Amino acid sequence: MSATPVSSSSRISRSGSRIASAYQQGAVVLFGALILYAVGFLPMNAAHNAAHDTRHSLVFPCH
């Protein structure tokens, strides 16, 4: 059996892909947190209450 050698550029591109994916996932989490936080300050009661209940369900202190 002969192993197929993996070039260093292939390893670098996979590593770069993982880093890019981690940045994207982090951006999505931050964006979601921003939306949840911002909706809590809306004057509409329905949107405010939904965000408020969601924060409580995630054990996030909000008052």
PDB file of N, CA and C in Angstrom:
ATOM      1  N   MET A   1       0.839  -1.182   0.000  1.00  0.00           N
ATOM      2  CA  MET A   1       0.000   0.000   0.000  1.00  0.00           C
ATOM      3  C   MET A   1       0.881   1.242   0.000  1.00  0.00           C
ATOM      4  N   SER A   2       0.536   2.142  -0.844  1.00  0.00           N
ATOM      5  CA  SER A   2       1.279   3.396  -0.847  1.00  0.00           C
ATOM      6  C   SER A   2       0.333   4.518  -0.451  1.00  0.00           C
ATOM      7  N   ALA A   3       0.813   5.347   0.434  1.00  0.00           N
ATOM      8  CA  ALA A   3       0.007   6.477   0.892  1.00  0.00           C
ATOM      9  C   ALA A   3       0.169   7.626  -0.094  1.00  0.00           C
ATOM     10  N   THR A   4      -0.920   8.282  -0.351  1.00  0.00           N
ATOM     11  CA  THR A   4      -0.864   9.433  -1.238  1.00  0.00           C
ATOM     12  C   THR A   4      -0.374  10.630  -0.428  1.00  0.00           C
ATOM     13  N   PRO A   5       0.707  11.243  -0.860  1.00  0.00           N
ATOM     14  CA  PRO A   5       1.213  12.387  -0.095  1.00  0.00           C
ATOM     15  C   PRO A   5       0.269  13.584  -0.215  1.00  0.00           C
ATOM     16  N   VAL A   6       0.117  14.281   0.870  1.00  0.00           N
ATOM     17  CA  VAL A   6      -0.715  15.470   0.893  1.00  0.00           C
ATOM     18  C   VAL A   6       0.214  16.670   0.846  1.00  0.00           C
ATOM     19  N   SER A   7      -0.002  17.505  -0.123  1.00  0.00           N
ATOM     20  CA  SER A   7       0.878  18.659  -0.266  1.00  0.00           C
ATOM     21  C   SER A   7       0.620  19.659   0.850  1.00  0.00           C
ATOM     22  N   SER A   8       1.611  20.459   1.141  1.00  0.00           N
ATOM     23  CA  SER A   8       1.462  21.443   2.203  1.00  0.00           C
ATOM     24  C   SER A   8       0.435  22.502   1.831  1.00  0.00           C
ATOM     25  N   SER A   9       0.302  22.814   0.543  1.00  0.00           N
ATOM     26  CA  SER A   9      -0.698  23.810   0.142  1.00  0.00           C
ATOM     27  C   SER A   9      -2.110  23.284   0.382  1.00  0.00           C
ATOM     28  N   SER A  10      -2.306  21.988   0.245  1.00  0.00           N
ATOM     29  CA  SER A  10      -3.615  21.398   0.521  1.00  0.00           C
ATOM     30  C   SER A  10      -3.934  21.493   2.008  1.00  0.00           C
ATOM     31  N   ARG A  11      -2.928  21.245   2.849  1.00  0.00           N
ATOM     32  CA  ARG A  11      -3.135  21.356   4.295  1.00  0.00           C
ATOM     33  C   ARG A  11      -3.415  22.793   4.694  1.00  0.00           C
ATOM     34  N   ILE A  12      -2.728  23.733   4.075  1.00  0.00           N
ATOM     35  CA  ILE A  12      -2.931  25.140   4.397  1.00  0.00           C
ATOM     36  C   ILE A  12      -4.328  25.589   3.991  1.00  0.00           C
ATOM     37  N   SER A  13      -4.797  25.145   2.829  1.00  0.00           N
ATOM     38  CA  SER A  13      -6.129  25.556   2.384  1.00  0.00           C
ATOM     39  C   SER A  13      -7.210  24.980   3.284  1.00  0.00           C
ATOM     40  N   ARG A  14      -7.025  23.745   3.774  1.00  0.00           N
ATOM     41  CA  ARG A  14      -8.005  23.182   4.701  1.00  0.00           C
ATOM     42  C   ARG A  14      -7.984  23.934   6.023  1.00  0.00           C
ATOM     43  N   SER A  15      -6.801  24.303   6.483  1.00  0.00           N
ATOM     44  CA  SER A  15      -6.687  25.059   7.721  1.00  0.00           C
ATOM     45  C   SER A  15      -7.327  26.431   7.561  1.00  0.00           C
ATOM     46  N   GLY A  16      -7.077  27.075   6.424  1.00  0.00           N
ATOM     47  CA  GLY A  16      -7.689  28.374   6.153  1.00  0.00           C
ATOM     48  C   GLY A  16      -9.193  28.277   6.077  1.00  0.00           C
ATOM     49  N   SER A  17      -9.689  27.177   5.534  1.00  0.00           N
ATOM     50  CA  SER A  17     -11.122  26.971   5.437  1.00  0.00           C
ATOM     51  C   SER A  17     -11.738  26.832   6.829  1.00  0.00           C
ATOM     52  N   ARG A  18     -11.047  26.144   7.717  1.00  0.00           N
ATOM     53  CA  ARG A  18     -11.552  25.988   9.094  1.00  0.00           C
ATOM     54  C   ARG A  18     -11.563  27.325   9.813  1.00  0.00           C
ATOM     55  N   ILE A  19     -10.529  28.123   9.604  1.00  0.00           N
ATOM     56  CA  ILE A  19     -10.466  29.442  10.240  1.00  0.00           C
ATOM     57  C   ILE A  19     -11.583  30.326   9.712  1.00  0.00           C
ATOM     58  N   ALA A  20     -11.800  30.312   8.398  1.00  0.00           N
ATOM     59  CA  ALA A  20     -12.874  31.107   7.800  1.00  0.00           C
ATOM     60  C   ALA A  20     -14.231  30.660   8.342  1.00  0.00           C
ATOM     61  N   SER A  21     -14.415  29.368   8.484  1.00  0.00           N
ATOM     62  CA  SER A  21     -15.666  28.846   9.011  1.00  0.00           C
ATOM     63  C   SER A  21     -15.869  29.287  10.462  1.00  0.00           C
ATOM     64  N   ALA A  22     -14.805  29.276  11.243  1.00  0.00           N
ATOM     65  CA  ALA A  22     -14.906  29.714  12.633  1.00  0.00           C
ATOM     66  C   ALA A  22     -15.266  31.192  12.710  1.00  0.00           C
ATOM     67  N   TYR A  23     -14.675  32.015  11.833  1.00  0.00           N
ATOM     68  CA  TYR A  23     -15.019  33.439  11.797  1.00  0.00           C
ATOM     69  C   TYR A  23     -16.483  33.636  11.406  1.00  0.00           C
ATOM     70  N   GLN A  24     -16.954  32.872  10.451  1.00  0.00           N
ATOM     71  CA  GLN A  24     -18.343  32.992  10.024  1.00  0.00           C
ATOM     72  C   GLN A  24     -19.297  32.587  11.142  1.00  0.00           C
ATOM     73  N   GLN A  25     -18.978  31.513  11.823  1.00  0.00           N
ATOM     74  CA  GLN A  25     -19.833  31.074  12.920  1.00  0.00           C
ATOM     75  C   GLN A  25     -19.842  32.094  14.047  1.00  0.00           C
ATOM     76  N   GLY A  26     -18.691  32.660  14.339  1.00  0.00           N
ATOM     77  CA  GLY A  26     -18.621  33.696  15.362  1.00  0.00           C
ATOM     78  C   GLY A  26     -19.423  34.927  14.978  1.00  0.00           C
ATOM     79  N   ALA A  27     -19.347  35.307  13.701  1.00  0.00           N
ATOM     80  CA  ALA A  27     -20.103  36.462  13.219  1.00  0.00           C
ATOM     81  C   ALA A  27     -21.602  36.216  13.341  1.00  0.00           C
ATOM     82  N   VAL A  28     -22.044  35.008  13.047  1.00  0.00           N
ATOM     83  CA  VAL A  28     -23.468  34.674  13.144  1.00  0.00           C
ATOM     84  C   VAL A  28     -23.929  34.745  14.599  1.00  0.00           C
ATOM     85  N   VAL A  29     -23.126  34.237  15.508  1.00  0.00           N
ATOM     86  CA  VAL A  29     -23.486  34.276  16.931  1.00  0.00           C
ATOM     87  C   VAL A  29     -23.556  35.728  17.420  1.00  0.00           C
ATOM     88  N   LEU A  30     -22.573  36.533  17.046  1.00  0.00           N
ATOM     89  CA  LEU A  30     -22.580  37.937  17.462  1.00  0.00           C
ATOM     90  C   LEU A  30     -23.761  38.696  16.859  1.00  0.00           C
ATOM     91  N   PHE A  31     -24.047  38.429  15.599  1.00  0.00           N
ATOM     92  CA  PHE A  31     -25.184  39.083  14.952  1.00  0.00           C
ATOM     93  C   PHE A  31     -26.492  38.681  15.639  1.00  0.00           C
ATOM     94  N   GLY A  32     -26.644  37.414  15.953  1.00  0.00           N
ATOM     95  CA  GLY A  32     -27.848  36.950  16.647  1.00  0.00           C
ATOM     96  C   GLY A  32     -27.988  37.592  18.017  1.00  0.00           C
ATOM     97  N   ALA A  33     -26.880  37.704  18.745  1.00  0.00           N
ATOM     98  CA  ALA A  33     -26.918  38.338  20.061  1.00  0.00           C
ATOM     99  C   ALA A  33     -27.274  39.814  19.936  1.00  0.00           C
ATOM    100  N   LEU A  34     -26.730  40.469  18.918  1.00  0.00           N
ATOM    101  CA  LEU A  34     -27.050  41.877  18.686  1.00  0.00           C
ATOM    102  C   LEU A  34     -28.537  42.053  18.388  1.00  0.00           C
ATOM    103  N   ILE A  35     -29.076  41.205  17.540  1.00  0.00           N
ATOM    104  CA  ILE A  35     -30.499  41.287  17.205  1.00  0.00           C
ATOM    105  C   ILE A  35     -31.349  41.048  18.454  1.00  0.00           C
ATOM    106  N   LEU A  36     -31.003  40.039  19.225  1.00  0.00           N
ATOM    107  CA  LEU A  36     -31.768  39.729  20.435  1.00  0.00           C
ATOM    108  C   LEU A  36     -31.692  40.887  21.423  1.00  0.00           C
ATOM    109  N   TYR A  37     -30.527  41.487  21.563  1.00  0.00           N
ATOM    110  CA  TYR A  37     -30.358  42.611  22.480  1.00  0.00           C
ATOM    111  C   TYR A  37     -31.124  43.834  21.982  1.00  0.00           C
ATOM    112  N   ALA A  38     -31.021  44.118  20.682  1.00  0.00           N
ATOM    113  CA  ALA A  38     -31.670  45.304  20.115  1.00  0.00           C
ATOM    114  C   ALA A  38     -33.187  45.193  20.162  1.00  0.00           C
ATOM    115  N   VAL A  39     -33.714  44.021  19.905  1.00  0.00           N
ATOM    116  CA  VAL A  39     -35.174  43.838  19.907  1.00  0.00           C
ATOM    117  C   VAL A  39     -35.734  44.066  21.302  1.00  0.00           C
ATOM    118  N   GLY A  40     -34.943  43.812  22.308  1.00  0.00           N
ATOM    119  CA  GLY A  40     -35.403  44.026  23.680  1.00  0.00           C
ATOM    120  C   GLY A  40     -35.718  45.474  23.985  1.00  0.00           C
ATOM    121  N   PHE A  41     -35.150  46.412  23.228  1.00  0.00           N
ATOM    122  CA  PHE A  41     -35.387  47.826  23.461  1.00  0.00           C
ATOM    123  C   PHE A  41     -36.426  48.425  22.510  1.00  0.00           C
ATOM    124  N   LEU A  42     -37.053  47.599  21.703  1.00  0.00           N
ATOM    125  CA  LEU A  42     -38.096  48.104  20.804  1.00  0.00           C
ATOM    126  C   LEU A  42     -39.319  48.520  21.613  1.00  0.00           C
ATOM    127  N   PRO A  43     -40.020  49.548  21.160  1.00  0.00           N
ATOM    128  CA  PRO A  43     -41.208  49.980  21.892  1.00  0.00           C
ATOM    129  C   PRO A  43     -42.408  49.039  21.718  1.00  0.00           C
ATOM    130  N   MET A  44     -42.380  48.172  20.694  1.00  0.00           N
ATOM    131  CA  MET A  44     -43.506  47.251  20.502  1.00  0.00           C
ATOM    132  C   MET A  44     -43.478  46.199  21.617  1.00  0.00           C
ATOM    133  N   ASN A  45     -44.588  46.051  22.303  1.00  0.00           N
ATOM    134  CA  ASN A  45     -44.625  45.123  23.431  1.00  0.00           C
ATOM    135  C   ASN A  45     -44.410  43.678  23.021  1.00  0.00           C
ATOM    136  N   ALA A  46     -44.962  43.258  21.902  1.00  0.00           N
ATOM    137  CA  ALA A  46     -44.834  41.859  21.491  1.00  0.00           C
ATOM    138  C   ALA A  46     -43.373  41.499  21.223  1.00  0.00           C
ATOM    139  N   ALA A  47     -42.657  42.359  20.486  1.00  0.00           N
ATOM    140  CA  ALA A  47     -41.251  42.088  20.180  1.00  0.00           C
ATOM    141  C   ALA A  47     -40.406  42.159  21.443  1.00  0.00           C
ATOM    142  N   HIS A  48     -40.681  43.165  22.298  1.00  0.00           N
ATOM    143  CA  HIS A  48     -39.926  43.296  23.536  1.00  0.00           C
ATOM    144  C   HIS A  48     -40.129  42.076  24.434  1.00  0.00           C
ATOM    145  N   ASN A  49     -41.381  41.647  24.579  1.00  0.00           N
ATOM    146  CA  ASN A  49     -41.669  40.509  25.450  1.00  0.00           C
ATOM    147  C   ASN A  49     -41.050  39.218  24.914  1.00  0.00           C
ATOM    148  N   ALA A  50     -41.049  39.039  23.601  1.00  0.00           N
ATOM    149  CA  ALA A  50     -40.429  37.844  23.022  1.00  0.00           C
ATOM    150  C   ALA A  50     -38.933  37.829  23.304  1.00  0.00           C
ATOM    151  N   ALA A  51     -38.272  38.965  23.119  1.00  0.00           N
ATOM    152  CA  ALA A  51     -36.840  39.037  23.401  1.00  0.00           C
ATOM    153  C   ALA A  51     -36.577  38.856  24.887  1.00  0.00           C
ATOM    154  N   HIS A  52     -37.423  39.440  25.709  1.00  0.00           N
ATOM    155  CA  HIS A  52     -37.276  39.338  27.159  1.00  0.00           C
ATOM    156  C   HIS A  52     -37.392  37.890  27.615  1.00  0.00           C
ATOM    157  N   ASP A  53     -38.392  37.185  27.116  1.00  0.00           N
ATOM    158  CA  ASP A  53     -38.581  35.783  27.485  1.00  0.00           C
ATOM    159  C   ASP A  53     -37.430  34.918  26.979  1.00  0.00           C
ATOM    160  N   THR A  54     -36.930  35.235  25.787  1.00  0.00           N
ATOM    161  CA  THR A  54     -35.804  34.475  25.243  1.00  0.00           C
ATOM    162  C   THR A  54     -34.565  34.679  26.100  1.00  0.00           C
ATOM    163  N   ARG A  55     -34.311  35.905  26.507  1.00  0.00           N
ATOM    164  CA  ARG A  55     -33.149  36.157  27.369  1.00  0.00           C
ATOM    165  C   ARG A  55     -33.275  35.401  28.676  1.00  0.00           C
ATOM    166  N   HIS A  56     -34.469  35.377  29.258  1.00  0.00           N
ATOM    167  CA  HIS A  56     -34.647  34.623  30.496  1.00  0.00           C
ATOM    168  C   HIS A  56     -34.445  33.129  30.279  1.00  0.00           C
ATOM    169  N   SER A  57     -34.905  32.613  29.148  1.00  0.00           N
ATOM    170  CA  SER A  57     -34.757  31.178  28.899  1.00  0.00           C
ATOM    171  C   SER A  57     -33.293  30.799  28.698  1.00  0.00           C
ATOM    172  N   LEU A  58     -32.458  31.771  28.278  1.00  0.00           N
ATOM    173  CA  LEU A  58     -31.028  31.519  28.110  1.00  0.00           C
ATOM    174  C   LEU A  58     -30.239  31.902  29.363  1.00  0.00           C
ATOM    175  N   VAL A  59     -30.921  32.199  30.456  1.00  0.00           N
ATOM    176  CA  VAL A  59     -30.318  32.591  31.724  1.00  0.00           C
ATOM    177  C   VAL A  59     -29.423  33.821  31.542  1.00  0.00           C
ATOM    178  N   PHE A  60     -29.920  34.769  30.758  1.00  0.00           N
ATOM    179  CA  PHE A  60     -29.198  36.013  30.491  1.00  0.00           C
ATOM    180  C   PHE A  60     -29.813  37.103  31.349  1.00  0.00           C
ATOM    181  N   PRO A  61     -29.038  37.731  32.219  1.00  0.00           N
ATOM    182  CA  PRO A  61     -29.629  38.774  33.076  1.00  0.00           C
ATOM    183  C   PRO A  61     -30.043  39.995  32.255  1.00  0.00           C
ATOM    184  N   CYS A  62     -31.237  40.457  32.440  1.00  0.00           N
ATOM    185  CA  CYS A  62     -31.698  41.590  31.650  1.00  0.00           C
ATOM    186  C   CYS A  62     -32.336  42.674  32.490  1.00  0.00           C
ATOM    187  N   HIS A  63     -32.422  42.492  33.798  1.00  0.00           N
ATOM    188  CA  HIS A  63     -32.885  43.614  34.637  1.00  0.00           C
ATOM    189  C   HIS A  63     -32.316  43.499  36.011  1.00  0.00           C
TER     190      HIS A  63
END
